[in-house]
Structures are given as C-alpha cells and as structure tokens.
Amino acid sequence: MNLQNQANLTIQEAQQLLAPFNCIETKSVDSESEKVLIRQALLLLAGHSDYQILGICAGTPEQGLLALESYAKALGYEASLDISKAEGSVYIKFNPLTGLCYFDSYTGKHRGVLVSCQSSYQEGINEMYGHLPLELFI
C-alpha cells in the first residue's frame, strides 16, 4: 500500500476529514491543500483495513478508467478493464480481493469514487467514503 504523504493524522482525525463524504450528500473539494488532506486521510484509513472496494461514477468511460487506475495504484492494486466500446456515463466496480472489475452504464447524478474499507476484525476500519473526487490521485 502506498502510504506516502500521510502527515501525522490520527485515525480519528482522518475519519473526521472523510465524514462529510457520506455517499448521500455531495461535498466539493475546493483547494489543492484540501485534496492533499483527503488523500492522506484515505490512505491512512485504508492502511487500517484489509482491502478496499472501489465504485466509480463517471461522466465518461475515460474519466472512469483514469479514476480507477489512479485510485487502484494509490491503494497498491492493479486494475485493468477494457471499456473502449463504452459510451456515456459509467459505473465501475473493482474488488481487489476477487480481482473482479466490471462496468455498466450509469444514469445517476452522482460523480466520484466510493471507497469501501473492509476489515475482517472488529477493530479495523469498516466504512464507506464517497463520493470522493475522481481526480483525487491524479
């Protein structure tokens, strides 16, 4: 797992930073410094979970694929998906535990990345954060 740039955030601080990304309301990231903090918080919490499942809602296949590749790389995974024939908005799901990666058309209004941290032990992180910016790791 790529844990660079994690500053000295505590788990509680990281959870507080990501709390507004509650998968229901849309939260914008308005500055590069805020983007850096969100990145640091996500990487810290991902480091305290066993693996993460990604869900990407993008306006174009190209945006979705770029987000998939950048998030997967930042979290220490490799993901490949051929969506060259896709058109319009897409939803992409990636589960690194099973290696499954698929996409479908998406008619919803949300745009961004859902990151579901999965832990097999109670003290681990078992939370979903999103919709995080598509370009968070770009």
C-alpha atoms as a PDB file:
ATOM      1  CA  MET A   1       0.000   0.000   0.000  1.00  0.00           C
ATOM      2  CA  ASN A   2       1.237   3.435  -0.920  1.00  0.00           C
ATOM      3  CA  LEU A   3       1.283   5.331   2.364  1.00  0.00           C
ATOM      4  CA  GLN A   4       3.251   8.386   1.279  1.00  0.00           C
ATOM      5  CA  ASN A   5       2.293  11.889   2.432  1.00  0.00           C
ATOM      6  CA  GLN A   6       0.331  10.796   5.472  1.00  0.00           C
ATOM      7  CA  ALA A   7       1.471  13.654   7.693  1.00  0.00           C
ATOM      8  CA  ASN A   8       0.690  12.938  11.316  1.00  0.00           C
ATOM      9  CA  LEU A   9      -3.058  12.402  11.153  1.00  0.00           C
ATOM     10  CA  THR A  10      -4.650  10.189  13.760  1.00  0.00           C
ATOM     11  CA  ILE A  11      -7.307   7.679  12.756  1.00  0.00           C
ATOM     12  CA  GLN A  12      -9.934   9.847  14.443  1.00  0.00           C
ATOM     13  CA  GLU A  13      -8.779  12.961  12.549  1.00  0.00           C
ATOM     14  CA  ALA A  14      -8.808  11.026   9.270  1.00  0.00           C
ATOM     15  CA  GLN A  15     -12.345   9.809   9.967  1.00  0.00           C
ATOM     16  CA  GLN A  16     -13.464  13.363  10.743  1.00  0.00           C
ATOM     17  CA  LEU A  17     -11.937  14.650   7.490  1.00  0.00           C
ATOM     18  CA  LEU A  18     -13.774  11.981   5.486  1.00  0.00           C
ATOM     19  CA  ALA A  19     -17.075  12.153   7.424  1.00  0.00           C
ATOM     20  CA  PRO A  20     -18.604  14.735   5.028  1.00  0.00           C
ATOM     21  CA  PHE A  21     -18.139  12.202   2.213  1.00  0.00           C
ATOM     22  CA  ASN A  22     -21.170  10.235   3.377  1.00  0.00           C
ATOM     23  CA  CYS A  23     -22.278   8.795  -0.006  1.00  0.00           C
ATOM     24  CA  ILE A  24     -25.508  10.800   0.166  1.00  0.00           C
ATOM     25  CA  GLU A  25     -24.659  14.481   0.001  1.00  0.00           C
ATOM     26  CA  THR A  26     -22.187  15.951  -2.455  1.00  0.00           C
ATOM     27  CA  LYS A  27     -19.136  17.596  -0.959  1.00  0.00           C
ATOM     28  CA  SER A  28     -16.761  19.550  -3.143  1.00  0.00           C
ATOM     29  CA  VAL A  29     -13.013  19.771  -2.636  1.00  0.00           C
ATOM     30  CA  ASP A  30     -12.097  23.369  -3.279  1.00  0.00           C
ATOM     31  CA  SER A  31      -8.332  23.569  -2.911  1.00  0.00           C
ATOM     32  CA  GLU A  32      -5.186  21.575  -3.527  1.00  0.00           C
ATOM     33  CA  SER A  33      -4.384  21.609   0.210  1.00  0.00           C
ATOM     34  CA  GLU A  34      -7.802  20.093   0.983  1.00  0.00           C
ATOM     35  CA  LYS A  35      -7.189  17.472  -1.713  1.00  0.00           C
ATOM     36  CA  VAL A  36      -3.862  16.574  -0.059  1.00  0.00           C
ATOM     37  CA  LEU A  37      -5.540  16.151   3.346  1.00  0.00           C
ATOM     38  CA  ILE A  38      -8.337  13.995   1.903  1.00  0.00           C
ATOM     39  CA  ARG A  39      -5.738  11.825   0.164  1.00  0.00           C
ATOM     40  CA  GLN A  40      -3.743  11.454   3.383  1.00  0.00           C
ATOM     41  CA  ALA A  41      -6.835  10.580   5.407  1.00  0.00           C
ATOM     42  CA  LEU A  42      -7.997   7.966   2.908  1.00  0.00           C
ATOM     43  CA  LEU A  43      -4.574   6.312   2.691  1.00  0.00           C
ATOM     44  CA  LEU A  44      -4.291   6.204   6.483  1.00  0.00           C
ATOM     45  CA  LEU A  45      -7.705   4.567   6.911  1.00  0.00           C
ATOM     46  CA  ALA A  46      -7.076   2.180   4.014  1.00  0.00           C
ATOM     47  CA  GLY A  47      -3.902   1.135   5.820  1.00  0.00           C
ATOM     48  CA  HIS A  48      -6.054   0.083   8.777  1.00  0.00           C
ATOM     49  CA  SER A  49      -8.348  -2.114   6.696  1.00  0.00           C
ATOM     50  CA  ASP A  50      -7.671  -5.403   4.949  1.00  0.00           C
ATOM     51  CA  TYR A  51      -8.717  -4.231   1.484  1.00  0.00           C
ATOM     52  CA  GLN A  52     -10.885  -1.659  -0.257  1.00  0.00           C
ATOM     53  CA  ILE A  53     -13.639  -1.991  -2.850  1.00  0.00           C
ATOM     54  CA  LEU A  54     -13.948   0.851  -5.351  1.00  0.00           C
ATOM     55  CA  GLY A  55     -17.125   2.119  -7.000  1.00  0.00           C
ATOM     56  CA  ILE A  56     -16.710   4.825  -9.610  1.00  0.00           C
ATOM     57  CA  CYS A  57     -19.458   7.020 -11.064  1.00  0.00           C
ATOM     58  CA  ALA A  58     -18.088   8.968 -14.015  1.00  0.00           C
ATOM     59  CA  GLY A  59     -19.465  11.068 -16.822  1.00  0.00           C
ATOM     60  CA  THR A  60     -17.338   9.348 -19.463  1.00  0.00           C
ATOM     61  CA  PRO A  61     -15.590   5.981 -19.787  1.00  0.00           C
ATOM     62  CA  GLU A  62     -12.239   7.794 -19.983  1.00  0.00           C
ATOM     63  CA  GLN A  63     -12.846   9.628 -16.688  1.00  0.00           C
ATOM     64  CA  GLY A  64     -13.910   6.388 -15.037  1.00  0.00           C
ATOM     65  CA  LEU A  65     -10.906   4.436 -16.237  1.00  0.00           C
ATOM     66  CA  LEU A  66      -8.470   7.179 -15.195  1.00  0.00           C
ATOM     67  CA  ALA A  67     -10.050   7.320 -11.733  1.00  0.00           C
ATOM     68  CA  LEU A  68      -9.960   3.518 -11.429  1.00  0.00           C
ATOM     69  CA  GLU A  69      -6.307   3.311 -12.379  1.00  0.00           C
ATOM     70  CA  SER A  70      -5.193   6.208 -10.159  1.00  0.00           C
ATOM     71  CA  TYR A  71      -7.109   5.061  -7.056  1.00  0.00           C
ATOM     72  CA  ALA A  72      -6.057   1.426  -7.529  1.00  0.00           C
ATOM     73  CA  LYS A  73      -2.405   2.424  -7.870  1.00  0.00           C
ATOM     74  CA  ALA A  74      -2.548   4.710  -4.810  1.00  0.00           C
ATOM     75  CA  LEU A  75      -4.054   1.850  -2.775  1.00  0.00           C
ATOM     76  CA  GLY A  76      -1.462  -0.643  -4.012  1.00  0.00           C
ATOM     77  CA  TYR A  77      -3.551  -2.536  -6.576  1.00  0.00           C
ATOM     78  CA  GLU A  78      -3.526  -3.087 -10.298  1.00  0.00           C
ATOM     79  CA  ALA A  79      -6.808  -2.913 -12.144  1.00  0.00           C
ATOM     80  CA  SER A  80      -7.394  -3.353 -15.831  1.00  0.00           C
ATOM     81  CA  LEU A  81     -10.644  -3.027 -17.665  1.00  0.00           C
ATOM     82  CA  ASP A  82     -11.466  -2.711 -21.332  1.00  0.00           C
ATOM     83  CA  ILE A  83     -14.197  -0.133 -21.689  1.00  0.00           C
ATOM     84  CA  SER A  84     -13.169   1.054 -25.128  1.00  0.00           C
ATOM     85  CA  LYS A  85     -16.647   0.456 -26.573  1.00  0.00           C
ATOM     86  CA  ALA A  86     -18.491   2.175 -23.739  1.00  0.00           C
ATOM     87  CA  GLU A  87     -20.264   5.491 -24.256  1.00  0.00           C
ATOM     88  CA  GLY A  88     -21.813   7.970 -21.861  1.00  0.00           C
ATOM     89  CA  SER A  89     -21.783   7.861 -18.076  1.00  0.00           C
ATOM     90  CA  VAL A  90     -20.433   4.703 -16.450  1.00  0.00           C
ATOM     91  CA  TYR A  91     -20.338   2.905 -13.127  1.00  0.00           C
ATOM     92  CA  ILE A  92     -17.220   0.820 -12.480  1.00  0.00           C
ATOM     93  CA  LYS A  93     -16.776  -1.582  -9.580  1.00  0.00           C
ATOM     94  CA  PHE A  94     -13.434  -3.066  -8.581  1.00  0.00           C
ATOM     95  CA  ASN A  95     -12.876  -5.694  -5.891  1.00  0.00           C
ATOM     96  CA  PRO A  96      -9.149  -6.382  -5.487  1.00  0.00           C
ATOM     97  CA  LEU A  97      -9.798  -9.366  -3.224  1.00  0.00           C
ATOM     98  CA  THR A  98     -11.515 -11.289  -6.009  1.00  0.00           C
ATOM     99  CA  GLY A  99      -9.867  -9.422  -8.872  1.00  0.00           C
ATOM    100  CA  LEU A 100     -13.277  -8.691 -10.371  1.00  0.00           C
ATOM    101  CA  CYS A 101     -13.681  -5.443 -12.244  1.00  0.00           C
ATOM    102  CA  TYR A 102     -16.757  -4.565 -14.265  1.00  0.00           C
ATOM    103  CA  PHE A 103     -18.684  -1.615 -15.599  1.00  0.00           C
ATOM    104  CA  ASP A 104     -22.169  -0.684 -16.661  1.00  0.00           C
ATOM    105  CA  SER A 105     -23.942   2.404 -17.928  1.00  0.00           C
ATOM    106  CA  TYR A 106     -24.932   4.832 -15.191  1.00  0.00           C
ATOM    107  CA  THR A 107     -27.894   7.168 -15.212  1.00  0.00           C
ATOM    108  CA  GLY A 108     -27.474   8.628 -11.733  1.00  0.00           C
ATOM    109  CA  LYS A 109     -26.438  12.190 -10.994  1.00  0.00           C
ATOM    110  CA  HIS A 110     -23.528  11.457  -8.643  1.00  0.00           C
ATOM    111  CA  ARG A 111     -19.954  11.691  -9.859  1.00  0.00           C
ATOM    112  CA  GLY A 112     -16.989  10.467  -7.874  1.00  0.00           C
ATOM    113  CA  VAL A 113     -15.435   7.458  -6.221  1.00  0.00           C
ATOM    114  CA  LEU A 114     -16.852   5.337  -3.418  1.00  0.00           C
ATOM    115  CA  VAL A 115     -14.195   3.632  -1.318  1.00  0.00           C
ATOM    116  CA  SER A 116     -15.412   0.853   0.949  1.00  0.00           C
ATOM    117  CA  CYS A 117     -12.784  -0.125   3.517  1.00  0.00           C
ATOM    118  CA  GLN A 118     -13.179  -3.769   4.525  1.00  0.00           C
ATOM    119  CA  SER A 119     -11.692  -5.345   7.664  1.00  0.00           C
ATOM    120  CA  SER A 120     -12.106  -8.864   8.920  1.00  0.00           C
ATOM    121  CA  TYR A 121     -11.605  -7.808  12.526  1.00  0.00           C
ATOM    122  CA  GLN A 122     -13.792  -5.590  14.677  1.00  0.00           C
ATOM    123  CA  GLU A 123     -11.079  -3.033  15.467  1.00  0.00           C
ATOM    124  CA  GLY A 124     -10.346  -2.459  11.787  1.00  0.00           C
ATOM    125  CA  ILE A 125     -11.887   0.158   9.546  1.00  0.00           C
ATOM    126  CA  ASN A 126     -15.222  -0.923   8.023  1.00  0.00           C
ATOM    127  CA  GLU A 127     -16.551   2.263   6.461  1.00  0.00           C
ATOM    128  CA  MET A 128     -17.548   3.624   3.072  1.00  0.00           C
ATOM    129  CA  TYR A 129     -16.438   7.063   1.935  1.00  0.00           C
ATOM    130  CA  GLY A 130     -17.676   8.902  -1.119  1.00  0.00           C
ATOM    131  CA  HIS A 131     -18.250  10.384  -3.461  1.00  0.00           C
ATOM    132  CA  LEU A 132     -14.601  11.354  -3.430  1.00  0.00           C
ATOM    133  CA  PRO A 133     -13.204  13.406  -6.323  1.00  0.00           C
ATOM    134  CA  LEU A 134     -12.483  11.406  -9.483  1.00  0.00           C
ATOM    135  CA  GLU A 135      -9.119  13.174  -9.791  1.00  0.00           C
ATOM    136  CA  LEU A 136      -8.023  12.824  -6.143  1.00  0.00           C
ATOM    137  CA  PHE A 137      -4.889  10.824  -7.026  1.00  0.00           C
ATOM    138  CA  ILE A 138      -4.175  12.408 -10.403  1.00  0.00           C
END
